Amino acid sequence: MKTFRDLYIRLSGHSIDDFIARVAASCHAPWHRAIDEEEKLPAPGSMMFSFGRKTDSALPGAFLFIANKEGDLWYVSNIVPTERAELGYDRYNNILIDFEKNVLRPAIAGTRIEVDLTGDYISIRDVAGGDVEDALSTFSKLANKSTGSSHPLDRERWFHFLVLANKQRTNLQTDLVIQTLIDLGWSDERAYELGIEFEFAQDLLNYFKGH
């Protein structure tokens, strides 16, 4: 499933002030330091920094925010468009890539600062492991896609996936299960029905374990 990329920055001994100064000095059109946007934040003076990108023929205008994750780990917490309601996956990710390539990388050259840009696709394997992904794949391959999980053998394989997913104690989201089923050839209607079953089953299993 397509997802928004994350950009993490490990300062490795550098101060945040030094890092931000380096990034600001590295900005060139269409990028610029956006101090005015920081002053509009709900908590002025908080440790959040902003850089702006003006609209050009390649990408729309936006403001990018860098915040603390934990310790000396910082990350891009959000990218807010300036001229449209939302960016969508592709525009958001392309703005992030542009910032990382043309501003951030030159700014940290020769330092110990580390940067990690995550991918734009996430799978059940990434979140819950190969066993859970394989269980869903097995169910999907053998199930009658017109009846969902109603056949006894299909339901048994579906239950196996539901229980295994719960045992892994991961944050497997319903929308990822739905999109994976659609990618595996299920209709939107059936995938959403199974998604509702998945969400209910996880809530029920969690409730049972808590009592």
N, C-alpha and C. Protein backbone atom coordinates (compact mmCIF):
# COMPACT_ATOMS: atom_id res chain seq x y z
N MET A 1 0.84 -1.18 0.00
CA MET A 1 0.00 0.00 0.00
C MET A 1 0.88 1.24 0.00
N LYS A 2 0.50 2.24 -0.80
CA LYS A 2 1.24 3.49 -0.81
C LYS A 2 1.12 4.17 0.54
N THR A 3 2.18 4.84 0.95
CA THR A 3 2.16 5.53 2.24
C THR A 3 3.01 6.79 2.16
N PHE A 4 2.82 7.68 3.12
CA PHE A 4 3.66 8.87 3.21
C PHE A 4 5.04 8.47 3.72
N ARG A 5 6.07 8.95 3.08
CA ARG A 5 7.43 8.68 3.53
C ARG A 5 7.73 9.44 4.82
N ASP A 6 8.67 8.91 5.59
CA ASP A 6 9.18 9.59 6.77
C ASP A 6 10.65 9.93 6.56
N LEU A 7 11.07 11.06 7.10
CA LEU A 7 12.47 11.48 7.02
C LEU A 7 12.98 11.68 8.44
N TYR A 8 13.95 10.85 8.85
CA TYR A 8 14.52 10.91 10.19
C TYR A 8 15.94 11.47 10.12
N ILE A 9 16.29 12.25 11.15
CA ILE A 9 17.60 12.90 11.20
C ILE A 9 18.23 12.62 12.56
N ARG A 10 19.36 11.93 12.57
CA ARG A 10 20.09 11.64 13.80
C ARG A 10 21.25 12.63 13.89
N LEU A 11 21.23 13.50 14.89
CA LEU A 11 22.22 14.58 14.97
C LEU A 11 23.62 14.10 15.35
N SER A 12 23.73 12.97 16.02
CA SER A 12 25.04 12.36 16.33
C SER A 12 26.02 13.34 16.97
N GLY A 13 25.55 14.04 17.97
CA GLY A 13 26.43 14.94 18.70
C GLY A 13 26.35 16.39 18.29
N HIS A 14 25.81 16.69 17.14
CA HIS A 14 25.62 18.08 16.71
C HIS A 14 24.43 18.68 17.46
N SER A 15 24.47 19.97 17.71
CA SER A 15 23.34 20.64 18.35
C SER A 15 22.26 20.91 17.32
N ILE A 16 21.03 21.04 17.78
CA ILE A 16 19.94 21.34 16.85
C ILE A 16 20.13 22.71 16.23
N ASP A 17 20.68 23.66 17.00
CA ASP A 17 20.91 25.00 16.45
C ASP A 17 21.92 24.95 15.30
N ASP A 18 22.97 24.16 15.46
CA ASP A 18 23.97 24.01 14.41
C ASP A 18 23.34 23.36 13.17
N PHE A 19 22.52 22.34 13.41
CA PHE A 19 21.88 21.65 12.30
C PHE A 19 20.96 22.58 11.51
N ILE A 20 20.10 23.30 12.23
CA ILE A 20 19.15 24.20 11.55
C ILE A 20 19.90 25.30 10.80
N ALA A 21 20.97 25.81 11.39
CA ALA A 21 21.76 26.84 10.71
C ALA A 21 22.36 26.30 9.42
N ARG A 22 22.83 25.06 9.44
CA ARG A 22 23.38 24.44 8.24
C ARG A 22 22.31 24.28 7.16
N VAL A 23 21.14 23.83 7.58
CA VAL A 23 20.06 23.62 6.61
C VAL A 23 19.61 24.96 6.03
N ALA A 24 19.49 25.97 6.87
CA ALA A 24 19.09 27.29 6.39
C ALA A 24 20.09 27.84 5.38
N ALA A 25 21.38 27.64 5.68
CA ALA A 25 22.42 28.13 4.77
C ALA A 25 22.41 27.36 3.44
N SER A 26 21.90 26.14 3.48
CA SER A 26 21.88 25.30 2.29
C SER A 26 20.67 25.58 1.39
N CYS A 27 19.70 26.33 1.91
CA CYS A 27 18.49 26.62 1.14
C CYS A 27 18.79 27.51 -0.06
N HIS A 28 18.23 27.17 -1.17
CA HIS A 28 18.26 28.02 -2.37
C HIS A 28 16.94 27.82 -3.09
N ALA A 29 16.57 28.78 -3.93
CA ALA A 29 15.28 28.74 -4.59
C ALA A 29 15.04 27.36 -5.22
N PRO A 30 13.86 26.82 -4.98
CA PRO A 30 12.64 27.42 -4.39
C PRO A 30 12.50 27.25 -2.88
N TRP A 31 13.55 26.76 -2.18
CA TRP A 31 13.47 26.54 -0.73
C TRP A 31 13.93 27.77 0.04
N HIS A 32 13.36 27.99 1.23
CA HIS A 32 13.76 29.08 2.10
C HIS A 32 13.42 28.74 3.54
N ARG A 33 14.08 29.38 4.47
CA ARG A 33 13.76 29.24 5.90
C ARG A 33 12.46 29.96 6.17
N ALA A 34 11.54 29.35 6.92
CA ALA A 34 10.21 29.91 7.12
C ALA A 34 9.95 30.17 8.60
N ILE A 35 10.67 31.13 9.15
CA ILE A 35 10.53 31.46 10.58
C ILE A 35 9.12 31.95 10.89
N ASP A 36 8.51 32.68 9.97
CA ASP A 36 7.16 33.20 10.19
C ASP A 36 6.16 32.08 10.49
N GLU A 37 6.35 30.93 9.84
CA GLU A 37 5.43 29.81 10.06
C GLU A 37 5.60 29.23 11.46
N GLU A 38 6.83 29.26 11.98
CA GLU A 38 7.07 28.77 13.33
C GLU A 38 6.34 29.64 14.36
N GLU A 39 6.28 30.94 14.08
CA GLU A 39 5.63 31.86 15.01
C GLU A 39 4.11 31.69 15.03
N LYS A 40 3.57 31.01 14.03
CA LYS A 40 2.13 30.77 13.97
C LYS A 40 1.73 29.48 14.71
N LEU A 41 2.70 28.71 15.15
CA LEU A 41 2.41 27.44 15.81
C LEU A 41 1.66 27.68 17.12
N PRO A 42 0.83 26.71 17.55
CA PRO A 42 0.05 26.87 18.80
C PRO A 42 0.91 27.18 20.01
N ALA A 43 2.15 26.66 20.03
CA ALA A 43 3.04 26.92 21.16
C ALA A 43 4.30 27.61 20.65
N PRO A 44 4.25 28.93 20.48
CA PRO A 44 5.43 29.66 20.00
C PRO A 44 6.65 29.38 20.87
N GLY A 45 7.79 29.23 20.22
CA GLY A 45 9.01 28.94 20.95
C GLY A 45 9.25 27.46 21.15
N SER A 46 8.32 26.62 20.67
CA SER A 46 8.52 25.18 20.79
C SER A 46 9.62 24.73 19.84
N MET A 47 10.18 23.58 20.09
CA MET A 47 11.29 23.09 19.28
C MET A 47 10.77 22.48 17.98
N MET A 48 10.27 23.34 17.11
CA MET A 48 9.82 22.93 15.80
C MET A 48 10.29 23.97 14.80
N PHE A 49 10.81 23.51 13.67
CA PHE A 49 11.41 24.40 12.70
C PHE A 49 10.77 24.18 11.34
N SER A 50 10.67 25.28 10.57
CA SER A 50 9.95 25.20 9.31
C SER A 50 10.79 25.72 8.15
N PHE A 51 10.61 25.06 7.01
CA PHE A 51 11.22 25.48 5.75
C PHE A 51 10.13 25.49 4.68
N GLY A 52 10.17 26.49 3.82
CA GLY A 52 9.14 26.63 2.80
C GLY A 52 9.67 26.35 1.42
N ARG A 53 8.77 25.91 0.57
CA ARG A 53 9.09 25.68 -0.84
C ARG A 53 8.06 26.41 -1.68
N LYS A 54 8.53 27.28 -2.57
CA LYS A 54 7.61 28.01 -3.45
C LYS A 54 7.18 27.12 -4.61
N THR A 55 6.01 27.42 -5.12
CA THR A 55 5.48 26.67 -6.25
C THR A 55 6.35 26.89 -7.49
N ASP A 56 6.63 25.82 -8.19
CA ASP A 56 7.29 25.93 -9.49
C ASP A 56 6.68 24.91 -10.43
N SER A 57 7.28 24.73 -11.60
CA SER A 57 6.72 23.83 -12.60
C SER A 57 6.78 22.36 -12.17
N ALA A 58 7.63 22.06 -11.18
CA ALA A 58 7.82 20.67 -10.76
C ALA A 58 6.88 20.27 -9.62
N LEU A 59 6.74 21.17 -8.61
CA LEU A 59 6.01 20.79 -7.40
C LEU A 59 5.23 21.99 -6.85
N PRO A 60 4.16 21.72 -6.10
CA PRO A 60 3.39 22.81 -5.49
C PRO A 60 4.10 23.38 -4.28
N GLY A 61 3.68 24.56 -3.88
CA GLY A 61 4.25 25.20 -2.70
C GLY A 61 3.83 24.50 -1.42
N ALA A 62 4.71 24.55 -0.42
CA ALA A 62 4.40 23.87 0.85
C ALA A 62 5.34 24.34 1.94
N PHE A 63 4.94 24.11 3.18
CA PHE A 63 5.81 24.33 4.33
C PHE A 63 6.11 22.98 4.97
N LEU A 64 7.38 22.75 5.26
CA LEU A 64 7.85 21.49 5.84
C LEU A 64 8.29 21.76 7.28
N PHE A 65 7.89 20.90 8.20
CA PHE A 65 8.19 21.10 9.62
C PHE A 65 9.08 19.99 10.16
N ILE A 66 10.09 20.38 10.91
CA ILE A 66 11.01 19.44 11.55
C ILE A 66 10.81 19.53 13.07
N ALA A 67 10.60 18.38 13.71
CA ALA A 67 10.34 18.34 15.15
C ALA A 67 11.17 17.24 15.78
N ASN A 68 11.25 17.28 17.11
CA ASN A 68 12.01 16.27 17.84
C ASN A 68 11.20 15.00 18.01
N LYS A 69 11.82 13.87 17.76
CA LYS A 69 11.20 12.57 17.97
C LYS A 69 11.54 12.05 19.36
N GLU A 70 12.82 11.95 19.65
CA GLU A 70 13.32 11.58 20.97
C GLU A 70 14.82 11.76 20.98
N GLY A 71 15.35 12.22 22.10
CA GLY A 71 16.80 12.40 22.21
C GLY A 71 17.34 13.28 21.09
N ASP A 72 18.35 12.76 20.37
CA ASP A 72 18.92 13.54 19.27
C ASP A 72 18.34 13.12 17.93
N LEU A 73 17.19 12.42 17.96
CA LEU A 73 16.50 12.01 16.74
C LEU A 73 15.40 13.01 16.41
N TRP A 74 15.49 13.60 15.22
CA TRP A 74 14.50 14.55 14.73
C TRP A 74 13.87 13.98 13.47
N TYR A 75 12.75 14.56 13.07
CA TYR A 75 12.06 14.04 11.88
C TYR A 75 11.19 15.12 11.25
N VAL A 76 10.83 14.91 10.00
CA VAL A 76 9.88 15.80 9.34
C VAL A 76 8.49 15.38 9.81
N SER A 77 7.87 16.23 10.61
CA SER A 77 6.60 15.87 11.24
C SER A 77 5.40 16.11 10.33
N ASN A 78 5.55 17.05 9.38
CA ASN A 78 4.42 17.33 8.49
C ASN A 78 4.89 18.19 7.32
N ILE A 79 4.14 18.09 6.24
CA ILE A 79 4.31 18.98 5.09
C ILE A 79 2.92 19.53 4.76
N VAL A 80 2.78 20.85 4.81
CA VAL A 80 1.48 21.50 4.65
C VAL A 80 1.46 22.27 3.33
N PRO A 81 0.50 22.01 2.46
CA PRO A 81 0.44 22.73 1.18
C PRO A 81 0.02 24.18 1.38
N THR A 82 0.44 25.03 0.48
CA THR A 82 0.09 26.45 0.57
C THR A 82 -1.03 26.84 -0.38
N GLU A 83 -1.30 26.02 -1.40
CA GLU A 83 -2.26 26.44 -2.43
C GLU A 83 -3.32 25.39 -2.73
N ARG A 84 -3.35 24.30 -1.99
CA ARG A 84 -4.35 23.26 -2.23
C ARG A 84 -4.76 22.64 -0.91
N ALA A 85 -5.89 21.91 -0.94
CA ALA A 85 -6.41 21.34 0.30
C ALA A 85 -5.50 20.25 0.84
N GLU A 86 -4.97 19.41 -0.04
CA GLU A 86 -4.08 18.34 0.39
C GLU A 86 -3.10 18.00 -0.72
N LEU A 87 -2.02 17.33 -0.35
CA LEU A 87 -0.98 17.01 -1.32
C LEU A 87 -1.14 15.63 -1.92
N GLY A 88 -1.65 14.67 -1.16
CA GLY A 88 -1.68 13.29 -1.62
C GLY A 88 -0.31 12.66 -1.46
N TYR A 89 -0.26 11.33 -1.63
CA TYR A 89 0.99 10.60 -1.40
C TYR A 89 2.12 11.08 -2.30
N ASP A 90 1.87 11.17 -3.61
CA ASP A 90 2.94 11.44 -4.56
C ASP A 90 3.55 12.83 -4.36
N ARG A 91 2.71 13.85 -4.25
CA ARG A 91 3.24 15.21 -4.09
C ARG A 91 3.95 15.36 -2.75
N TYR A 92 3.36 14.83 -1.70
CA TYR A 92 3.99 14.88 -0.38
C TYR A 92 5.38 14.24 -0.43
N ASN A 93 5.43 13.03 -0.97
CA ASN A 93 6.70 12.30 -1.01
C ASN A 93 7.71 12.98 -1.91
N ASN A 94 7.27 13.54 -3.02
CA ASN A 94 8.21 14.21 -3.93
C ASN A 94 8.77 15.49 -3.33
N ILE A 95 7.96 16.20 -2.55
CA ILE A 95 8.48 17.39 -1.85
C ILE A 95 9.52 16.97 -0.82
N LEU A 96 9.24 15.90 -0.10
CA LEU A 96 10.18 15.40 0.90
C LEU A 96 11.49 14.95 0.25
N ILE A 97 11.39 14.26 -0.87
CA ILE A 97 12.59 13.82 -1.60
C ILE A 97 13.39 15.03 -2.08
N ASP A 98 12.70 16.05 -2.58
CA ASP A 98 13.36 17.26 -3.07
C ASP A 98 14.12 17.95 -1.95
N PHE A 99 13.50 18.04 -0.77
CA PHE A 99 14.15 18.66 0.39
C PHE A 99 15.37 17.86 0.81
N GLU A 100 15.20 16.54 0.88
CA GLU A 100 16.31 15.68 1.31
C GLU A 100 17.49 15.76 0.34
N LYS A 101 17.20 15.75 -0.96
CA LYS A 101 18.26 15.73 -1.97
C LYS A 101 18.93 17.09 -2.16
N ASN A 102 18.14 18.14 -2.26
CA ASN A 102 18.68 19.44 -2.66
C ASN A 102 18.99 20.40 -1.53
N VAL A 103 18.48 20.12 -0.33
CA VAL A 103 18.75 21.00 0.82
C VAL A 103 19.48 20.24 1.92
N LEU A 104 18.90 19.14 2.36
CA LEU A 104 19.42 18.45 3.54
C LEU A 104 20.77 17.78 3.29
N ARG A 105 20.88 17.00 2.23
CA ARG A 105 22.14 16.29 1.96
C ARG A 105 23.32 17.25 1.83
N PRO A 106 23.20 18.32 1.04
CA PRO A 106 24.33 19.28 0.98
C PRO A 106 24.64 19.90 2.34
N ALA A 107 23.59 20.12 3.17
CA ALA A 107 23.79 20.77 4.47
C ALA A 107 24.61 19.92 5.43
N ILE A 108 24.47 18.60 5.35
CA ILE A 108 25.13 17.73 6.33
C ILE A 108 26.40 17.08 5.79
N ALA A 109 26.77 17.43 4.57
CA ALA A 109 27.99 16.85 3.98
C ALA A 109 29.19 17.12 4.88
N GLY A 110 29.96 16.08 5.17
CA GLY A 110 31.15 16.22 6.00
C GLY A 110 30.88 16.20 7.49
N THR A 111 29.62 15.98 7.90
CA THR A 111 29.29 15.90 9.33
C THR A 111 28.98 14.46 9.71
N ARG A 112 28.71 14.24 10.98
CA ARG A 112 28.33 12.92 11.47
C ARG A 112 26.81 12.73 11.46
N ILE A 113 26.10 13.75 11.02
CA ILE A 113 24.63 13.69 11.01
C ILE A 113 24.17 12.62 10.02
N GLU A 114 23.21 11.80 10.46
CA GLU A 114 22.69 10.71 9.63
C GLU A 114 21.24 10.99 9.23
N VAL A 115 20.90 10.63 8.01
CA VAL A 115 19.55 10.85 7.49
C VAL A 115 19.00 9.54 6.97
N ASP A 116 17.74 9.27 7.29
CA ASP A 116 17.08 8.04 6.82
C ASP A 116 15.73 8.41 6.22
N LEU A 117 15.56 8.13 4.94
CA LEU A 117 14.30 8.39 4.23
C LEU A 117 13.62 7.05 3.97
N THR A 118 12.45 6.85 4.56
CA THR A 118 11.76 5.58 4.41
C THR A 118 11.12 5.46 3.03
N GLY A 119 10.68 4.27 2.69
CA GLY A 119 10.07 4.02 1.39
C GLY A 119 8.64 4.53 1.30
N ASP A 120 8.09 4.47 0.09
CA ASP A 120 6.73 4.97 -0.13
C ASP A 120 5.71 3.86 -0.24
N TYR A 121 6.11 2.64 0.12
CA TYR A 121 5.19 1.51 0.07
C TYR A 121 5.36 0.71 1.36
N ILE A 122 4.23 0.33 1.95
CA ILE A 122 4.27 -0.47 3.17
C ILE A 122 3.42 -1.71 2.98
N SER A 123 3.91 -2.83 3.45
CA SER A 123 3.20 -4.10 3.31
C SER A 123 2.89 -4.68 4.68
N ILE A 124 2.02 -5.69 4.70
CA ILE A 124 1.73 -6.39 5.95
C ILE A 124 3.00 -7.03 6.50
N ARG A 125 3.86 -7.49 5.62
CA ARG A 125 5.14 -8.07 6.06
C ARG A 125 5.96 -7.04 6.84
N ASP A 126 5.96 -5.80 6.37
CA ASP A 126 6.72 -4.74 7.05
C ASP A 126 6.19 -4.50 8.47
N VAL A 127 4.88 -4.58 8.62
CA VAL A 127 4.24 -4.22 9.89
C VAL A 127 4.13 -5.41 10.84
N ALA A 128 3.70 -6.56 10.31
CA ALA A 128 3.35 -7.69 11.18
C ALA A 128 4.18 -8.94 10.94
N GLY A 129 5.06 -8.92 9.94
CA GLY A 129 5.92 -10.07 9.70
C GLY A 129 5.43 -10.98 8.58
N GLY A 130 6.33 -11.84 8.13
CA GLY A 130 6.05 -12.70 7.00
C GLY A 130 4.97 -13.73 7.26
N ASP A 131 4.89 -14.26 8.48
CA ASP A 131 3.89 -15.29 8.78
C ASP A 131 2.47 -14.75 8.62
N VAL A 132 2.25 -13.53 9.08
CA VAL A 132 0.92 -12.93 8.98
C VAL A 132 0.59 -12.64 7.52
N GLU A 133 1.55 -12.09 6.78
CA GLU A 133 1.32 -11.82 5.37
C GLU A 133 1.05 -13.11 4.60
N ASP A 134 1.80 -14.16 4.90
CA ASP A 134 1.61 -15.45 4.23
C ASP A 134 0.24 -16.05 4.55
N ALA A 135 -0.22 -15.87 5.79
CA ALA A 135 -1.53 -16.39 6.18
C ALA A 135 -2.64 -15.71 5.40
N LEU A 136 -2.54 -14.41 5.22
CA LEU A 136 -3.55 -13.70 4.44
C LEU A 136 -3.47 -14.08 2.97
N SER A 137 -2.25 -14.24 2.47
CA SER A 137 -2.06 -14.63 1.07
C SER A 137 -2.65 -16.02 0.81
N THR A 138 -2.43 -16.95 1.75
CA THR A 138 -2.99 -18.30 1.60
C THR A 138 -4.50 -18.27 1.60
N PHE A 139 -5.08 -17.52 2.52
CA PHE A 139 -6.53 -17.37 2.55
C PHE A 139 -7.03 -16.82 1.22
N SER A 140 -6.36 -15.78 0.72
CA SER A 140 -6.81 -15.13 -0.51
C SER A 140 -6.72 -16.06 -1.72
N LYS A 141 -5.66 -16.83 -1.81
CA LYS A 141 -5.47 -17.72 -2.96
C LYS A 141 -6.52 -18.82 -3.02
N LEU A 142 -6.93 -19.33 -1.86
CA LEU A 142 -7.82 -20.48 -1.81
C LEU A 142 -9.29 -20.12 -1.62
N ALA A 143 -9.58 -18.90 -1.23
CA ALA A 143 -10.95 -18.51 -0.93
C ALA A 143 -11.74 -18.22 -2.19
N ASN A 144 -13.03 -18.37 -2.09
CA ASN A 144 -13.96 -17.95 -3.14
C ASN A 144 -14.17 -16.44 -2.97
N LYS A 145 -13.66 -15.65 -3.89
CA LYS A 145 -13.68 -14.20 -3.73
C LYS A 145 -15.06 -13.59 -3.87
N SER A 146 -16.02 -14.39 -4.26
CA SER A 146 -17.39 -13.87 -4.36
C SER A 146 -18.18 -14.07 -3.07
N THR A 147 -17.68 -14.93 -2.17
CA THR A 147 -18.40 -15.21 -0.93
C THR A 147 -17.63 -14.80 0.32
N GLY A 148 -16.44 -14.27 0.15
CA GLY A 148 -15.68 -13.82 1.32
C GLY A 148 -15.20 -14.96 2.17
N SER A 149 -15.56 -14.95 3.45
CA SER A 149 -15.08 -15.97 4.38
C SER A 149 -16.20 -16.92 4.81
N SER A 150 -17.26 -17.02 4.02
CA SER A 150 -18.43 -17.78 4.46
C SER A 150 -18.25 -19.29 4.39
N HIS A 151 -17.45 -19.79 3.43
CA HIS A 151 -17.24 -21.24 3.34
C HIS A 151 -16.43 -21.72 4.55
N PRO A 152 -16.79 -22.88 5.12
CA PRO A 152 -16.11 -23.35 6.35
C PRO A 152 -14.58 -23.42 6.22
N LEU A 153 -14.06 -23.91 5.10
CA LEU A 153 -12.61 -23.99 4.94
C LEU A 153 -11.99 -22.60 4.79
N ASP A 154 -12.68 -21.74 4.06
CA ASP A 154 -12.20 -20.36 3.92
C ASP A 154 -12.21 -19.66 5.27
N ARG A 155 -13.27 -19.90 6.04
CA ARG A 155 -13.39 -19.26 7.35
C ARG A 155 -12.29 -19.74 8.30
N GLU A 156 -11.93 -21.01 8.20
CA GLU A 156 -10.85 -21.53 9.04
C GLU A 156 -9.53 -20.84 8.73
N ARG A 157 -9.24 -20.66 7.43
CA ARG A 157 -8.00 -19.98 7.05
C ARG A 157 -8.05 -18.49 7.43
N TRP A 158 -9.24 -17.89 7.31
CA TRP A 158 -9.42 -16.49 7.70
C TRP A 158 -9.22 -16.33 9.21
N PHE A 159 -9.78 -17.24 10.00
CA PHE A 159 -9.59 -17.19 11.44
C PHE A 159 -8.12 -17.35 11.81
N HIS A 160 -7.42 -18.22 11.07
CA HIS A 160 -5.99 -18.40 11.34
C HIS A 160 -5.25 -17.08 11.15
N PHE A 161 -5.56 -16.36 10.08
CA PHE A 161 -4.94 -15.05 9.86
C PHE A 161 -5.29 -14.07 10.97
N LEU A 162 -6.57 -14.01 11.37
CA LEU A 162 -7.01 -13.08 12.40
C LEU A 162 -6.30 -13.33 13.73
N VAL A 163 -6.21 -14.59 14.13
CA VAL A 163 -5.57 -14.93 15.40
C VAL A 163 -4.08 -14.66 15.35
N LEU A 164 -3.45 -15.03 14.22
CA LEU A 164 -2.01 -14.83 14.07
C LEU A 164 -1.67 -13.33 14.08
N ALA A 165 -2.49 -12.55 13.41
CA ALA A 165 -2.26 -11.10 13.40
C ALA A 165 -2.36 -10.52 14.80
N ASN A 166 -3.29 -11.02 15.59
CA ASN A 166 -3.45 -10.52 16.95
C ASN A 166 -2.30 -10.95 17.86
N LYS A 167 -1.81 -12.17 17.66
CA LYS A 167 -0.71 -12.67 18.49
C LYS A 167 0.57 -11.85 18.30
N GLN A 168 0.74 -11.29 17.11
CA GLN A 168 1.97 -10.54 16.82
C GLN A 168 2.04 -9.23 17.58
N ARG A 169 0.88 -8.77 18.08
CA ARG A 169 0.83 -7.51 18.87
C ARG A 169 1.45 -6.34 18.12
N THR A 170 1.13 -6.24 16.85
CA THR A 170 1.63 -5.13 16.03
C THR A 170 0.49 -4.17 15.73
N ASN A 171 0.84 -3.01 15.23
CA ASN A 171 -0.17 -2.00 14.90
C ASN A 171 -0.61 -2.17 13.44
N LEU A 172 -1.17 -3.33 13.13
CA LEU A 172 -1.64 -3.60 11.77
C LEU A 172 -2.98 -2.91 11.58
N GLN A 173 -3.01 -1.95 10.68
CA GLN A 173 -4.19 -1.14 10.48
C GLN A 173 -5.16 -1.79 9.50
N THR A 174 -6.45 -1.52 9.72
CA THR A 174 -7.49 -2.10 8.87
C THR A 174 -7.35 -1.67 7.42
N ASP A 175 -6.98 -0.41 7.19
CA ASP A 175 -6.89 0.07 5.80
C ASP A 175 -5.79 -0.66 5.04
N LEU A 176 -4.73 -1.09 5.73
CA LEU A 176 -3.67 -1.85 5.06
C LEU A 176 -4.18 -3.25 4.69
N VAL A 177 -4.97 -3.86 5.57
CA VAL A 177 -5.56 -5.17 5.26
C VAL A 177 -6.49 -5.05 4.06
N ILE A 178 -7.32 -4.02 4.05
CA ILE A 178 -8.27 -3.82 2.95
C ILE A 178 -7.53 -3.61 1.63
N GLN A 179 -6.54 -2.73 1.64
CA GLN A 179 -5.81 -2.44 0.40
C GLN A 179 -5.05 -3.67 -0.09
N THR A 180 -4.51 -4.45 0.84
CA THR A 180 -3.80 -5.68 0.46
C THR A 180 -4.75 -6.66 -0.21
N LEU A 181 -5.96 -6.79 0.32
CA LEU A 181 -6.95 -7.68 -0.28
C LEU A 181 -7.34 -7.20 -1.68
N ILE A 182 -7.49 -5.90 -1.83
CA ILE A 182 -7.79 -5.36 -3.16
C ILE A 182 -6.66 -5.65 -4.13
N ASP A 183 -5.43 -5.49 -3.66
CA ASP A 183 -4.26 -5.78 -4.51
C ASP A 183 -4.19 -7.26 -4.87
N LEU A 184 -4.76 -8.11 -4.01
CA LEU A 184 -4.76 -9.55 -4.25
C LEU A 184 -5.94 -10.00 -5.12
N GLY A 185 -6.74 -9.03 -5.58
CA GLY A 185 -7.80 -9.35 -6.53
C GLY A 185 -9.21 -9.33 -5.98
N TRP A 186 -9.39 -8.93 -4.72
CA TRP A 186 -10.74 -8.87 -4.16
C TRP A 186 -11.43 -7.59 -4.62
N SER A 187 -12.74 -7.65 -4.75
CA SER A 187 -13.50 -6.45 -5.08
C SER A 187 -13.46 -5.50 -3.89
N ASP A 188 -13.68 -4.21 -4.16
CA ASP A 188 -13.70 -3.23 -3.08
C ASP A 188 -14.73 -3.61 -2.02
N GLU A 189 -15.91 -4.07 -2.47
CA GLU A 189 -16.98 -4.40 -1.54
C GLU A 189 -16.58 -5.53 -0.60
N ARG A 190 -16.04 -6.63 -1.18
CA ARG A 190 -15.65 -7.77 -0.35
C ARG A 190 -14.47 -7.42 0.55
N ALA A 191 -13.52 -6.64 0.03
CA ALA A 191 -12.36 -6.26 0.82
C ALA A 191 -12.78 -5.43 2.03
N TYR A 192 -13.72 -4.52 1.84
CA TYR A 192 -14.19 -3.70 2.96
C TYR A 192 -14.96 -4.55 3.97
N GLU A 193 -15.74 -5.52 3.49
CA GLU A 193 -16.45 -6.41 4.40
C GLU A 193 -15.46 -7.18 5.28
N LEU A 194 -14.42 -7.71 4.64
CA LEU A 194 -13.41 -8.45 5.40
C LEU A 194 -12.64 -7.52 6.33
N GLY A 195 -12.44 -6.28 5.89
CA GLY A 195 -11.77 -5.30 6.74
C GLY A 195 -12.56 -5.04 8.02
N ILE A 196 -13.88 -4.96 7.89
CA ILE A 196 -14.74 -4.77 9.06
C ILE A 196 -14.64 -5.98 9.99
N GLU A 197 -14.63 -7.18 9.38
CA GLU A 197 -14.47 -8.40 10.18
C GLU A 197 -13.12 -8.40 10.91
N PHE A 198 -12.08 -7.98 10.21
CA PHE A 198 -10.74 -7.93 10.82
C PHE A 198 -10.73 -6.99 12.02
N GLU A 199 -11.28 -5.79 11.85
CA GLU A 199 -11.27 -4.81 12.93
C GLU A 199 -12.06 -5.30 14.14
N PHE A 200 -13.24 -5.90 13.88
CA PHE A 200 -14.06 -6.43 14.98
C PHE A 200 -13.33 -7.57 15.70
N ALA A 201 -12.71 -8.45 14.93
CA ALA A 201 -12.00 -9.59 15.52
C ALA A 201 -10.85 -9.13 16.40
N GLN A 202 -10.11 -8.13 15.96
CA GLN A 202 -8.98 -7.65 16.77
C GLN A 202 -9.48 -7.04 18.08
N ASP A 203 -10.56 -6.27 18.00
CA ASP A 203 -11.13 -5.68 19.22
C ASP A 203 -11.61 -6.78 20.17
N LEU A 204 -12.27 -7.79 19.61
CA LEU A 204 -12.80 -8.87 20.43
C LEU A 204 -11.68 -9.67 21.10
N LEU A 205 -10.66 -10.00 20.32
CA LEU A 205 -9.53 -10.78 20.86
C LEU A 205 -8.79 -9.97 21.94
N ASN A 206 -8.63 -8.68 21.72
CA ASN A 206 -7.97 -7.84 22.72
C ASN A 206 -8.80 -7.76 24.00
N TYR A 207 -10.12 -7.68 23.84
CA TYR A 207 -11.00 -7.65 25.00
C TYR A 207 -10.91 -8.96 25.78
N PHE A 208 -10.90 -10.08 25.05
CA PHE A 208 -10.83 -11.38 25.69
C PHE A 208 -9.53 -11.53 26.48
N LYS A 209 -8.41 -11.06 25.89
CA LYS A 209 -7.13 -11.18 26.58
C LYS A 209 -7.05 -10.30 27.82
N GLY A 210 -7.87 -9.25 27.84
CA GLY A 210 -7.84 -8.36 28.99
C GLY A 210 -8.74 -8.79 30.13
N HIS A 211 -9.43 -9.92 29.95
CA HIS A 211 -10.36 -10.39 31.00
C HIS A 211 -10.05 -11.84 31.39
